[in-house]
Amino acid sequence: MAREKPQQQRKRPGGPAGQIKRRNCFFCKDKIEEIDYKNVNQLRRYISEKGKIRSRRITGACRRHQVQVAQAVKRAREMALLPYVAEGVEERGGGGRRDRGERGDRGDRDR
């Protein structure tokens, strides 16, 4: 004699609490048709501090302009107007063994 429990709608953790504010595309607002790879100052907004191209979800660009941004960033990197990676980022976070000097430190070994 199994009892059936009434189905309850569970809220997912981290779900939207209210209305989601939709970002508008900067290029659509200013009626920009083509994105120029030589306009580096504009493209820097769409690149993270590590040098990665930010996603549409973060930038708020529409699909068409996000594809153009990605293409322009890749062209600007090829022409050496933008870096492929950020400068001076050598330290890795994470706190693994190598950070504490255990077993990973091979400075005393001669090859």
PDB file of N, CA and C in Angstrom:
ATOM      1  N   MET A   1       0.813  -1.161   0.000  1.00  0.00           N
ATOM      2  CA  MET A   1       0.000   0.000   0.000  1.00  0.00           C
ATOM      3  C   MET A   1       0.875   1.249   0.000  1.00  0.00           C
ATOM      4  N   ALA A   2       1.353   1.563  -1.126  1.00  0.00           N
ATOM      5  CA  ALA A   2       2.221   2.730  -1.268  1.00  0.00           C
ATOM      6  C   ALA A   2       1.379   3.980  -1.432  1.00  0.00           C
ATOM      7  N   ARG A   3       1.737   4.972  -0.701  1.00  0.00           N
ATOM      8  CA  ARG A   3       1.050   6.248  -0.806  1.00  0.00           C
ATOM      9  C   ARG A   3       1.753   7.108  -1.842  1.00  0.00           C
ATOM     10  N   GLU A   4       0.965   7.788  -2.601  1.00  0.00           N
ATOM     11  CA  GLU A   4       1.552   8.696  -3.579  1.00  0.00           C
ATOM     12  C   GLU A   4       1.578  10.096  -2.985  1.00  0.00           C
ATOM     13  N   LYS A   5       2.769  10.695  -3.053  1.00  0.00           N
ATOM     14  CA  LYS A   5       2.924  12.052  -2.541  1.00  0.00           C
ATOM     15  C   LYS A   5       2.521  13.034  -3.629  1.00  0.00           C
ATOM     16  N   PRO A   6       1.900  14.113  -3.242  1.00  0.00           N
ATOM     17  CA  PRO A   6       1.559  15.124  -4.258  1.00  0.00           C
ATOM     18  C   PRO A   6       2.830  15.754  -4.823  1.00  0.00           C
ATOM     19  N   GLN A   7       2.851  15.960  -6.131  1.00  0.00           N
ATOM     20  CA  GLN A   7       4.016  16.537  -6.797  1.00  0.00           C
ATOM     21  C   GLN A   7       4.135  18.012  -6.433  1.00  0.00           C
ATOM     22  N   GLN A   8       5.322  18.380  -5.982  1.00  0.00           N
ATOM     23  CA  GLN A   8       5.591  19.777  -5.664  1.00  0.00           C
ATOM     24  C   GLN A   8       6.597  20.322  -6.665  1.00  0.00           C
ATOM     25  N   GLN A   9       6.382  21.541  -7.066  1.00  0.00           N
ATOM     26  CA  GLN A   9       7.324  22.189  -7.971  1.00  0.00           C
ATOM     27  C   GLN A   9       8.503  22.679  -7.148  1.00  0.00           C
ATOM     28  N   ARG A  10       9.668  22.168  -7.444  1.00  0.00           N
ATOM     29  CA  ARG A  10      10.861  22.613  -6.738  1.00  0.00           C
ATOM     30  C   ARG A  10      11.534  23.719  -7.533  1.00  0.00           C
ATOM     31  N   LYS A  11      12.003  24.701  -6.813  1.00  0.00           N
ATOM     32  CA  LYS A  11      12.740  25.783  -7.465  1.00  0.00           C
ATOM     33  C   LYS A  11      14.196  25.364  -7.590  1.00  0.00           C
ATOM     34  N   ARG A  12      14.742  25.625  -8.722  1.00  0.00           N
ATOM     35  CA  ARG A  12      16.157  25.325  -8.918  1.00  0.00           C
ATOM     36  C   ARG A  12      17.001  26.382  -8.219  1.00  0.00           C
ATOM     37  N   PRO A  13      18.074  25.946  -7.579  1.00  0.00           N
ATOM     38  CA  PRO A  13      18.938  26.939  -6.925  1.00  0.00           C
ATOM     39  C   PRO A  13      19.622  27.808  -7.969  1.00  0.00           C
ATOM     40  N   GLY A  14      19.681  29.082  -7.693  1.00  0.00           N
ATOM     41  CA  GLY A  14      20.337  30.010  -8.604  1.00  0.00           C
ATOM     42  C   GLY A  14      19.471  30.442  -9.766  1.00  0.00           C
ATOM     43  N   GLY A  15      18.220  30.043  -9.753  1.00  0.00           N
ATOM     44  CA  GLY A  15      17.309  30.421 -10.826  1.00  0.00           C
ATOM     45  C   GLY A  15      16.921  31.889 -10.719  1.00  0.00           C
ATOM     46  N   PRO A  16      16.276  32.387 -11.743  1.00  0.00           N
ATOM     47  CA  PRO A  16      15.901  33.800 -11.701  1.00  0.00           C
ATOM     48  C   PRO A  16      14.834  34.060 -10.644  1.00  0.00           C
ATOM     49  N   ALA A  17      15.093  35.043  -9.821  1.00  0.00           N
ATOM     50  CA  ALA A  17      14.149  35.366  -8.759  1.00  0.00           C
ATOM     51  C   ALA A  17      13.036  36.256  -9.285  1.00  0.00           C
ATOM     52  N   GLY A  18      13.350  37.027 -10.283  1.00  0.00           N
ATOM     53  CA  GLY A  18      12.358  37.946 -10.832  1.00  0.00           C
ATOM     54  C   GLY A  18      12.511  38.006 -12.335  1.00  0.00           C
ATOM     55  N   GLN A  19      12.213  39.145 -12.880  1.00  0.00           N
ATOM     56  CA  GLN A  19      12.320  39.350 -14.316  1.00  0.00           C
ATOM     57  C   GLN A  19      13.783  39.520 -14.711  1.00  0.00           C
ATOM     58  N   ILE A  20      14.178  38.892 -15.805  1.00  0.00           N
ATOM     59  CA  ILE A  20      15.545  39.006 -16.293  1.00  0.00           C
ATOM     60  C   ILE A  20      15.647  40.241 -17.179  1.00  0.00           C
ATOM     61  N   LYS A  21      16.632  41.078 -16.888  1.00  0.00           N
ATOM     62  CA  LYS A  21      16.834  42.275 -17.699  1.00  0.00           C
ATOM     63  C   LYS A  21      17.640  41.894 -18.928  1.00  0.00           C
ATOM     64  N   ARG A  22      17.083  42.116 -20.084  1.00  0.00           N
ATOM     65  CA  ARG A  22      17.740  41.770 -21.343  1.00  0.00           C
ATOM     66  C   ARG A  22      18.633  42.922 -21.769  1.00  0.00           C
ATOM     67  N   ARG A  23      19.908  42.605 -22.075  1.00  0.00           N
ATOM     68  CA  ARG A  23      20.827  43.634 -22.548  1.00  0.00           C
ATOM     69  C   ARG A  23      20.589  43.884 -24.022  1.00  0.00           C
ATOM     70  N   ASN A  24      20.718  45.115 -24.422  1.00  0.00           N
ATOM     71  CA  ASN A  24      20.557  45.460 -25.821  1.00  0.00           C
ATOM     72  C   ASN A  24      21.914  45.471 -26.501  1.00  0.00           C
ATOM     73  N   CYS A  25      21.910  45.121 -27.754  1.00  0.00           N
ATOM     74  CA  CYS A  25      23.143  45.088 -28.532  1.00  0.00           C
ATOM     75  C   CYS A  25      23.619  46.515 -28.774  1.00  0.00           C
ATOM     76  N   PHE A  26      24.866  46.773 -28.433  1.00  0.00           N
ATOM     77  CA  PHE A  26      25.449  48.103 -28.605  1.00  0.00           C
ATOM     78  C   PHE A  26      25.494  48.492 -30.078  1.00  0.00           C
ATOM     79  N   PHE A  27      25.807  47.546 -30.936  1.00  0.00           N
ATOM     80  CA  PHE A  27      25.955  47.820 -32.364  1.00  0.00           C
ATOM     81  C   PHE A  27      24.601  48.052 -33.031  1.00  0.00           C
ATOM     82  N   CYS A  28      23.579  47.329 -32.603  1.00  0.00           N
ATOM     83  CA  CYS A  28      22.240  47.545 -33.152  1.00  0.00           C
ATOM     84  C   CYS A  28      21.704  48.909 -32.725  1.00  0.00           C
ATOM     85  N   LYS A  29      21.997  49.290 -31.475  1.00  0.00           N
ATOM     86  CA  LYS A  29      21.537  50.570 -30.966  1.00  0.00           C
ATOM     87  C   LYS A  29      22.125  51.731 -31.774  1.00  0.00           C
ATOM     88  N   ASP A  30      23.424  51.624 -32.084  1.00  0.00           N
ATOM     89  CA  ASP A  30      24.101  52.685 -32.830  1.00  0.00           C
ATOM     90  C   ASP A  30      24.025  52.486 -34.338  1.00  0.00           C
ATOM     91  N   LYS A  31      23.282  51.467 -34.768  1.00  0.00           N
ATOM     92  CA  LYS A  31      23.094  51.160 -36.192  1.00  0.00           C
ATOM     93  C   LYS A  31      24.421  50.971 -36.923  1.00  0.00           C
ATOM     94  N   ILE A  32      25.315  50.172 -36.315  1.00  0.00           N
ATOM     95  CA  ILE A  32      26.605  49.847 -36.927  1.00  0.00           C
ATOM     96  C   ILE A  32      26.432  48.553 -37.697  1.00  0.00           C
ATOM     97  N   GLU A  33      26.706  48.575 -38.981  1.00  0.00           N
ATOM     98  CA  GLU A  33      26.522  47.399 -39.838  1.00  0.00           C
ATOM     99  C   GLU A  33      27.717  46.450 -39.764  1.00  0.00           C
ATOM    100  N   GLU A  34      28.913  47.006 -39.931  1.00  0.00           N
ATOM    101  CA  GLU A  34      30.128  46.193 -39.955  1.00  0.00           C
ATOM    102  C   GLU A  34      31.029  46.602 -38.795  1.00  0.00           C
ATOM    103  N   ILE A  35      31.685  45.618 -38.191  1.00  0.00           N
ATOM    104  CA  ILE A  35      32.621  45.888 -37.105  1.00  0.00           C
ATOM    105  C   ILE A  35      34.027  45.841 -37.682  1.00  0.00           C
ATOM    106  N   ASP A  36      34.783  46.908 -37.466  1.00  0.00           N
ATOM    107  CA  ASP A  36      36.108  47.041 -38.046  1.00  0.00           C
ATOM    108  C   ASP A  36      37.153  46.463 -37.095  1.00  0.00           C
ATOM    109  N   TYR A  37      38.035  45.622 -37.616  1.00  0.00           N
ATOM    110  CA  TYR A  37      39.070  45.005 -36.779  1.00  0.00           C
ATOM    111  C   TYR A  37      40.136  46.017 -36.367  1.00  0.00           C
ATOM    112  N   LYS A  38      40.214  47.174 -37.051  1.00  0.00           N
ATOM    113  CA  LYS A  38      41.221  48.186 -36.722  1.00  0.00           C
ATOM    114  C   LYS A  38      40.795  49.060 -35.542  1.00  0.00           C
ATOM    115  N   ASN A  39      39.529  48.997 -35.163  1.00  0.00           N
ATOM    116  CA  ASN A  39      39.037  49.768 -34.025  1.00  0.00           C
ATOM    117  C   ASN A  39      39.282  48.971 -32.742  1.00  0.00           C
ATOM    118  N   VAL A  40      40.518  49.024 -32.267  1.00  0.00           N
ATOM    119  CA  VAL A  40      40.957  48.186 -31.157  1.00  0.00           C
ATOM    120  C   VAL A  40      40.292  48.582 -29.843  1.00  0.00           C
ATOM    121  N   ASN A  41      40.083  49.881 -29.649  1.00  0.00           N
ATOM    122  CA  ASN A  41      39.469  50.336 -28.391  1.00  0.00           C
ATOM    123  C   ASN A  41      38.066  49.770 -28.220  1.00  0.00           C
ATOM    124  N   GLN A  42      37.334  49.663 -29.300  1.00  0.00           N
ATOM    125  CA  GLN A  42      35.992  49.100 -29.236  1.00  0.00           C
ATOM    126  C   GLN A  42      36.045  47.585 -28.995  1.00  0.00           C
ATOM    127  N   LEU A  43      37.013  46.918 -29.594  1.00  0.00           N
ATOM    128  CA  LEU A  43      37.112  45.466 -29.456  1.00  0.00           C
ATOM    129  C   LEU A  43      37.589  45.043 -28.069  1.00  0.00           C
ATOM    130  N   ARG A  44      38.334  45.894 -27.387  1.00  0.00           N
ATOM    131  CA  ARG A  44      38.839  45.535 -26.053  1.00  0.00           C
ATOM    132  C   ARG A  44      37.712  45.296 -25.056  1.00  0.00           C
ATOM    133  N   ARG A  45      36.557  45.884 -25.299  1.00  0.00           N
ATOM    134  CA  ARG A  45      35.404  45.663 -24.420  1.00  0.00           C
ATOM    135  C   ARG A  45      34.917  44.226 -24.476  1.00  0.00           C
ATOM    136  N   TYR A  46      35.184  43.553 -25.571  1.00  0.00           N
ATOM    137  CA  TYR A  46      34.668  42.202 -25.794  1.00  0.00           C
ATOM    138  C   TYR A  46      35.716  41.137 -25.532  1.00  0.00           C
ATOM    139  N   ILE A  47      36.804  41.511 -24.868  1.00  0.00           N
ATOM    140  CA  ILE A  47      37.871  40.572 -24.530  1.00  0.00           C
ATOM    141  C   ILE A  47      38.065  40.596 -23.021  1.00  0.00           C
ATOM    142  N   SER A  48      38.245  39.417 -22.423  1.00  0.00           N
ATOM    143  CA  SER A  48      38.459  39.344 -20.979  1.00  0.00           C
ATOM    144  C   SER A  48      39.885  39.767 -20.641  1.00  0.00           C
ATOM    145  N   GLU A  49      40.183  39.817 -19.353  1.00  0.00           N
ATOM    146  CA  GLU A  49      41.515  40.216 -18.909  1.00  0.00           C
ATOM    147  C   GLU A  49      42.571  39.195 -19.310  1.00  0.00           C
ATOM    148  N   LYS A  50      42.166  37.963 -19.462  1.00  0.00           N
ATOM    149  CA  LYS A  50      43.101  36.918 -19.891  1.00  0.00           C
ATOM    150  C   LYS A  50      43.268  36.869 -21.397  1.00  0.00           C
ATOM    151  N   GLY A  51      42.412  37.591 -22.122  1.00  0.00           N
ATOM    152  CA  GLY A  51      42.535  37.631 -23.569  1.00  0.00           C
ATOM    153  C   GLY A  51      41.496  36.805 -24.301  1.00  0.00           C
ATOM    154  N   LYS A  52      40.561  36.220 -23.575  1.00  0.00           N
ATOM    155  CA  LYS A  52      39.519  35.411 -24.214  1.00  0.00           C
ATOM    156  C   LYS A  52      38.384  36.304 -24.717  1.00  0.00           C
ATOM    157  N   ILE A  53      37.727  35.851 -25.771  1.00  0.00           N
ATOM    158  CA  ILE A  53      36.574  36.569 -26.298  1.00  0.00           C
ATOM    159  C   ILE A  53      35.388  36.275 -25.393  1.00  0.00           C
ATOM    160  N   ARG A  54      34.734  37.326 -24.919  1.00  0.00           N
ATOM    161  CA  ARG A  54      33.595  37.140 -24.014  1.00  0.00           C
ATOM    162  C   ARG A  54      32.378  36.642 -24.789  1.00  0.00           C
ATOM    163  N   SER A  55      31.513  35.926 -24.096  1.00  0.00           N
ATOM    164  CA  SER A  55      30.342  35.329 -24.729  1.00  0.00           C
ATOM    165  C   SER A  55      29.221  36.349 -24.902  1.00  0.00           C
ATOM    166  N   ARG A  56      28.241  35.979 -25.710  1.00  0.00           N
ATOM    167  CA  ARG A  56      27.083  36.832 -25.961  1.00  0.00           C
ATOM    168  C   ARG A  56      26.317  37.115 -24.687  1.00  0.00           C
ATOM    169  N   ARG A  57      26.259  36.135 -23.832  1.00  0.00           N
ATOM    170  CA  ARG A  57      25.519  36.260 -22.583  1.00  0.00           C
ATOM    171  C   ARG A  57      26.100  37.387 -21.726  1.00  0.00           C
ATOM    172  N   ILE A  58      27.412  37.554 -21.783  1.00  0.00           N
ATOM    173  CA  ILE A  58      28.079  38.572 -20.990  1.00  0.00           C
ATOM    174  C   ILE A  58      28.089  39.919 -21.708  1.00  0.00           C
ATOM    175  N   THR A  59      28.376  39.914 -23.002  1.00  0.00           N
ATOM    176  CA  THR A  59      28.506  41.171 -23.740  1.00  0.00           C
ATOM    177  C   THR A  59      27.162  41.790 -24.080  1.00  0.00           C
ATOM    178  N   GLY A  60      26.135  40.975 -24.263  1.00  0.00           N
ATOM    179  CA  GLY A  60      24.824  41.493 -24.617  1.00  0.00           C
ATOM    180  C   GLY A  60      24.669  41.772 -26.096  1.00  0.00           C
ATOM    181  N   ALA A  61      25.621  41.338 -26.903  1.00  0.00           N
ATOM    182  CA  ALA A  61      25.540  41.560 -28.346  1.00  0.00           C
ATOM    183  C   ALA A  61      24.582  40.548 -28.964  1.00  0.00           C
ATOM    184  N   CYS A  62      23.969  40.942 -30.072  1.00  0.00           N
ATOM    185  CA  CYS A  62      23.099  40.004 -30.781  1.00  0.00           C
ATOM    186  C   CYS A  62      23.984  38.976 -31.501  1.00  0.00           C
ATOM    187  N   ARG A  63      23.365  37.943 -32.020  1.00  0.00           N
ATOM    188  CA  ARG A  63      24.123  36.856 -32.632  1.00  0.00           C
ATOM    189  C   ARG A  63      24.974  37.344 -33.806  1.00  0.00           C
ATOM    190  N   ARG A  64      24.362  38.149 -34.664  1.00  0.00           N
ATOM    191  CA  ARG A  64      25.060  38.621 -35.858  1.00  0.00           C
ATOM    192  C   ARG A  64      26.295  39.450 -35.506  1.00  0.00           C
ATOM    193  N   HIS A  65      26.126  40.358 -34.550  1.00  0.00           N
ATOM    194  CA  HIS A  65      27.243  41.210 -34.180  1.00  0.00           C
ATOM    195  C   HIS A  65      28.278  40.467 -33.343  1.00  0.00           C
ATOM    196  N   GLN A  66      27.867  39.469 -32.575  1.00  0.00           N
ATOM    197  CA  GLN A  66      28.837  38.693 -31.799  1.00  0.00           C
ATOM    198  C   GLN A  66      29.752  37.910 -32.728  1.00  0.00           C
ATOM    199  N   VAL A  67      29.193  37.381 -33.816  1.00  0.00           N
ATOM    200  CA  VAL A  67      30.013  36.674 -34.803  1.00  0.00           C
ATOM    201  C   VAL A  67      30.998  37.652 -35.439  1.00  0.00           C
ATOM    202  N   GLN A  68      30.533  38.861 -35.745  1.00  0.00           N
ATOM    203  CA  GLN A  68      31.414  39.865 -36.328  1.00  0.00           C
ATOM    204  C   GLN A  68      32.495  40.306 -35.341  1.00  0.00           C
ATOM    205  N   VAL A  69      32.145  40.413 -34.061  1.00  0.00           N
ATOM    206  CA  VAL A  69      33.130  40.771 -33.039  1.00  0.00           C
ATOM    207  C   VAL A  69      34.208  39.696 -32.964  1.00  0.00           C
ATOM    208  N   ALA A  70      33.797  38.439 -32.932  1.00  0.00           N
ATOM    209  CA  ALA A  70      34.758  37.345 -32.843  1.00  0.00           C
ATOM    210  C   ALA A  70      35.693  37.349 -34.051  1.00  0.00           C
ATOM    211  N   GLN A  71      35.133  37.558 -35.231  1.00  0.00           N
ATOM    212  CA  GLN A  71      35.941  37.594 -36.452  1.00  0.00           C
ATOM    213  C   GLN A  71      36.904  38.781 -36.429  1.00  0.00           C
ATOM    214  N   ALA A  72      36.428  39.935 -35.973  1.00  0.00           N
ATOM    215  CA  ALA A  72      37.272  41.129 -35.912  1.00  0.00           C
ATOM    216  C   ALA A  72      38.397  40.962 -34.895  1.00  0.00           C
ATOM    217  N   VAL A  73      38.100  40.336 -33.759  1.00  0.00           N
ATOM    218  CA  VAL A  73      39.130  40.095 -32.745  1.00  0.00           C
ATOM    219  C   VAL A  73      40.195  39.156 -33.304  1.00  0.00           C
ATOM    220  N   LYS A  74      39.770  38.115 -33.997  1.00  0.00           N
ATOM    221  CA  LYS A  74      40.727  37.165 -34.574  1.00  0.00           C
ATOM    222  C   LYS A  74      41.600  37.834 -35.630  1.00  0.00           C
ATOM    223  N   ARG A  75      41.003  38.704 -36.427  1.00  0.00           N
ATOM    224  CA  ARG A  75      41.788  39.430 -37.437  1.00  0.00           C
ATOM    225  C   ARG A  75      42.755  40.410 -36.782  1.00  0.00           C
ATOM    226  N   ALA A  76      42.292  41.097 -35.733  1.00  0.00           N
ATOM    227  CA  ALA A  76      43.154  42.052 -35.032  1.00  0.00           C
ATOM    228  C   ALA A  76      44.310  41.329 -34.348  1.00  0.00           C
ATOM    229  N   ARG A  77      44.082  40.142 -33.852  1.00  0.00           N
ATOM    230  CA  ARG A  77      45.168  39.343 -33.264  1.00  0.00           C
ATOM    231  C   ARG A  77      46.177  38.942 -34.326  1.00  0.00           C
ATOM    232  N   GLU A  78      45.673  38.553 -35.480  1.00  0.00           N
ATOM    233  CA  GLU A  78      46.542  38.144 -36.584  1.00  0.00           C
ATOM    234  C   GLU A  78      47.419  39.301 -37.052  1.00  0.00           C
ATOM    235  N   MET A  79      46.875  40.509 -37.039  1.00  0.00           N
ATOM    236  CA  MET A  79      47.625  41.703 -37.454  1.00  0.00           C
ATOM    237  C   MET A  79      48.440  42.298 -36.304  1.00  0.00           C
ATOM    238  N   ALA A  80      48.444  41.641 -35.163  1.00  0.00           N
ATOM    239  CA  ALA A  80      49.190  42.064 -33.970  1.00  0.00           C
ATOM    240  C   ALA A  80      48.675  43.378 -33.395  1.00  0.00           C
ATOM    241  N   LEU A  81      47.391  43.648 -33.582  1.00  0.00           N
ATOM    242  CA  LEU A  81      46.779  44.820 -32.954  1.00  0.00           C
ATOM    243  C   LEU A  81      46.272  44.483 -31.557  1.00  0.00           C
ATOM    244  N   LEU A  82      45.908  43.216 -31.359  1.00  0.00           N
ATOM    245  CA  LEU A  82      45.468  42.720 -30.054  1.00  0.00           C
ATOM    246  C   LEU A  82      46.331  41.518 -29.678  1.00  0.00           C
ATOM    247  N   PRO A  83      46.580  41.326 -28.381  1.00  0.00           N
ATOM    248  CA  PRO A  83      47.358  40.154 -27.968  1.00  0.00           C
ATOM    249  C   PRO A  83      46.498  38.887 -27.937  1.00  0.00           C
ATOM    250  N   TYR A  84      47.145  37.747 -28.125  1.00  0.00           N
ATOM    251  CA  TYR A  84      46.439  36.475 -28.007  1.00  0.00           C
ATOM    252  C   TYR A  84      46.173  36.150 -26.543  1.00  0.00           C
ATOM    253  N   VAL A  85      47.132  36.471 -25.681  1.00  0.00           N
ATOM    254  CA  VAL A  85      46.982  36.258 -24.237  1.00  0.00           C
ATOM    255  C   VAL A  85      47.365  37.536 -23.513  1.00  0.00           C
ATOM    256  N   ALA A  86      46.964  37.627 -22.248  1.00  0.00           N
ATOM    257  CA  ALA A  86      47.279  38.806 -21.457  1.00  0.00           C
ATOM    258  C   ALA A  86      48.758  38.816 -21.098  1.00  0.00           C
ATOM    259  N   GLU A  87      49.301  40.003 -20.928  1.00  0.00           N
ATOM    260  CA  GLU A  87      50.705  40.137 -20.583  1.00  0.00           C
ATOM    261  C   GLU A  87      50.910  39.943 -19.089  1.00  0.00           C
ATOM    262  N   GLY A  88      51.990  39.252 -18.715  1.00  0.00           N
ATOM    263  CA  GLY A  88      52.371  39.123 -17.320  1.00  0.00           C
ATOM    264  C   GLY A  88      51.551  38.147 -16.517  1.00  0.00           C
ATOM    265  N   VAL A  89      50.771  37.296 -17.141  1.00  0.00           N
ATOM    266  CA  VAL A  89      49.989  36.313 -16.395  1.00  0.00           C
ATOM    267  C   VAL A  89      50.761  35.001 -16.417  1.00  0.00           C
ATOM    268  N   GLU A  90      51.624  34.833 -15.405  1.00  0.00           N
ATOM    269  CA  GLU A  90      52.420  33.610 -15.342  1.00  0.00           C
ATOM    270  C   GLU A  90      52.005  32.737 -14.181  1.00  0.00           C
ATOM    271  N   GLU A  91      51.506  33.349 -13.107  1.00  0.00           N
ATOM    272  CA  GLU A  91      51.120  32.575 -11.935  1.00  0.00           C
ATOM    273  C   GLU A  91      49.803  31.877 -12.182  1.00  0.00           C
ATOM    274  N   ARG A  92      49.738  30.651 -11.742  1.00  0.00           N
ATOM    275  CA  ARG A  92      48.492  29.898 -11.842  1.00  0.00           C
ATOM    276  C   ARG A  92      47.903  29.758 -10.457  1.00  0.00           C
ATOM    277  N   GLY A  93      46.632  29.969 -10.367  1.00  0.00           N
ATOM    278  CA  GLY A  93      45.957  29.768  -9.094  1.00  0.00           C
ATOM    279  C   GLY A  93      45.613  28.299  -8.930  1.00  0.00           C
ATOM    280  N   GLY A  94      45.011  27.949  -7.836  1.00  0.00           N
ATOM    281  CA  GLY A  94      44.597  26.572  -7.654  1.00  0.00           C
ATOM    282  C   GLY A  94      45.165  25.961  -6.390  1.00  0.00           C
ATOM    283  N   GLY A  95      46.334  26.407  -5.960  1.00  0.00           N
ATOM    284  CA  GLY A  95      46.893  25.912  -4.709  1.00  0.00           C
ATOM    285  C   GLY A  95      47.274  24.450  -4.746  1.00  0.00           C
ATOM    286  N   GLY A  96      47.795  23.981  -5.852  1.00  0.00           N
ATOM    287  CA  GLY A  96      48.229  22.589  -5.945  1.00  0.00           C
ATOM    288  C   GLY A  96      49.529  22.362  -5.209  1.00  0.00           C
ATOM    289  N   ARG A  97      50.091  21.163  -5.384  1.00  0.00           N
ATOM    290  CA  ARG A  97      51.322  20.826  -4.694  1.00  0.00           C
ATOM    291  C   ARG A  97      52.490  21.681  -5.153  1.00  0.00           C
ATOM    292  N   ARG A  98      52.505  22.007  -6.415  1.00  0.00           N
ATOM    293  CA  ARG A  98      53.648  22.741  -6.963  1.00  0.00           C
ATOM    294  C   ARG A  98      53.776  24.133  -6.355  1.00  0.00           C
ATOM    295  N   ASP A  99      52.671  24.711  -5.901  1.00  0.00           N
ATOM    296  CA  ASP A  99      52.735  26.028  -5.286  1.00  0.00           C
ATOM    297  C   ASP A  99      53.422  25.987  -3.925  1.00  0.00           C
ATOM    298  N   ARG A 100      53.328  24.853  -3.224  1.00  0.00           N
ATOM    299  CA  ARG A 100      53.915  24.747  -1.894  1.00  0.00           C
ATOM    300  C   ARG A 100      55.349  24.246  -1.932  1.00  0.00           C
ATOM    301  N   GLY A 101      55.821  23.807  -3.099  1.00  0.00           N
ATOM    302  CA  GLY A 101      57.190  23.350  -3.202  1.00  0.00           C
ATOM    303  C   GLY A 101      57.373  21.875  -2.890  1.00  0.00           C
ATOM    304  N   GLU A 102      56.310  21.119  -2.769  1.00  0.00           N
ATOM    305  CA  GLU A 102      56.423  19.698  -2.478  1.00  0.00           C
ATOM    306  C   GLU A 102      56.492  18.897  -3.762  1.00  0.00           C
ATOM    307  N   ARG A 103      57.435  18.043  -3.892  1.00  0.00           N
ATOM    308  CA  ARG A 103      57.602  17.069  -4.969  1.00  0.00           C
ATOM    309  C   ARG A 103      57.657  17.684  -6.366  1.00  0.00           C
ATOM    310  N   GLY A 104      57.186  18.850  -6.551  1.00  0.00           N
ATOM    311  CA  GLY A 104      57.201  19.455  -7.865  1.00  0.00           C
ATOM    312  C   GLY A 104      58.430  20.322  -8.079  1.00  0.00           C
ATOM    313  N   ASP A 105      59.119  20.672  -7.001  1.00  0.00           N
ATOM    314  CA  ASP A 105      60.281  21.536  -7.086  1.00  0.00           C
ATOM    315  C   ASP A 105      61.484  20.694  -7.478  1.00  0.00           C
ATOM    316  N   ARG A 106      61.974  20.894  -8.684  1.00  0.00           N
ATOM    317  CA  ARG A 106      63.116  20.115  -9.155  1.00  0.00           C
ATOM    318  C   ARG A 106      64.315  21.008  -9.413  1.00  0.00           C
ATOM    319  N   GLY A 107      64.433  22.039  -8.599  1.00  0.00           N
ATOM    320  CA  GLY A 107      65.534  22.985  -8.768  1.00  0.00           C
ATOM    321  C   GLY A 107      66.876  22.383  -8.392  1.00  0.00           C
ATOM    322  N   ASP A 108      66.896  21.338  -7.531  1.00  0.00           N
ATOM    323  CA  ASP A 108      68.161  20.754  -7.092  1.00  0.00           C
ATOM    324  C   ASP A 108      68.636  19.639  -8.033  1.00  0.00           C
ATOM    325  N   ARG A 109      67.862  19.276  -9.020  1.00  0.00           N
ATOM    326  CA  ARG A 109      68.195  18.168  -9.893  1.00  0.00           C
ATOM    327  C   ARG A 109      69.090  18.640 -11.031  1.00  0.00           C
ATOM    328  N   ASP A 110      70.129  17.900 -11.320  1.00  0.00           N
ATOM    329  CA  ASP A 110      71.003  18.190 -12.457  1.00  0.00           C
ATOM    330  C   ASP A 110      70.622  17.284 -13.603  1.00  0.00           C
ATOM    331  N   ARG A 111      70.619  17.838 -14.774  1.00  0.00           N
ATOM    332  CA  ARG A 111      70.261  17.012 -15.948  1.00  0.00           C
ATOM    333  C   ARG A 111      71.448  16.771 -16.799  1.00  0.00           C
TER     334      ARG A 111
END
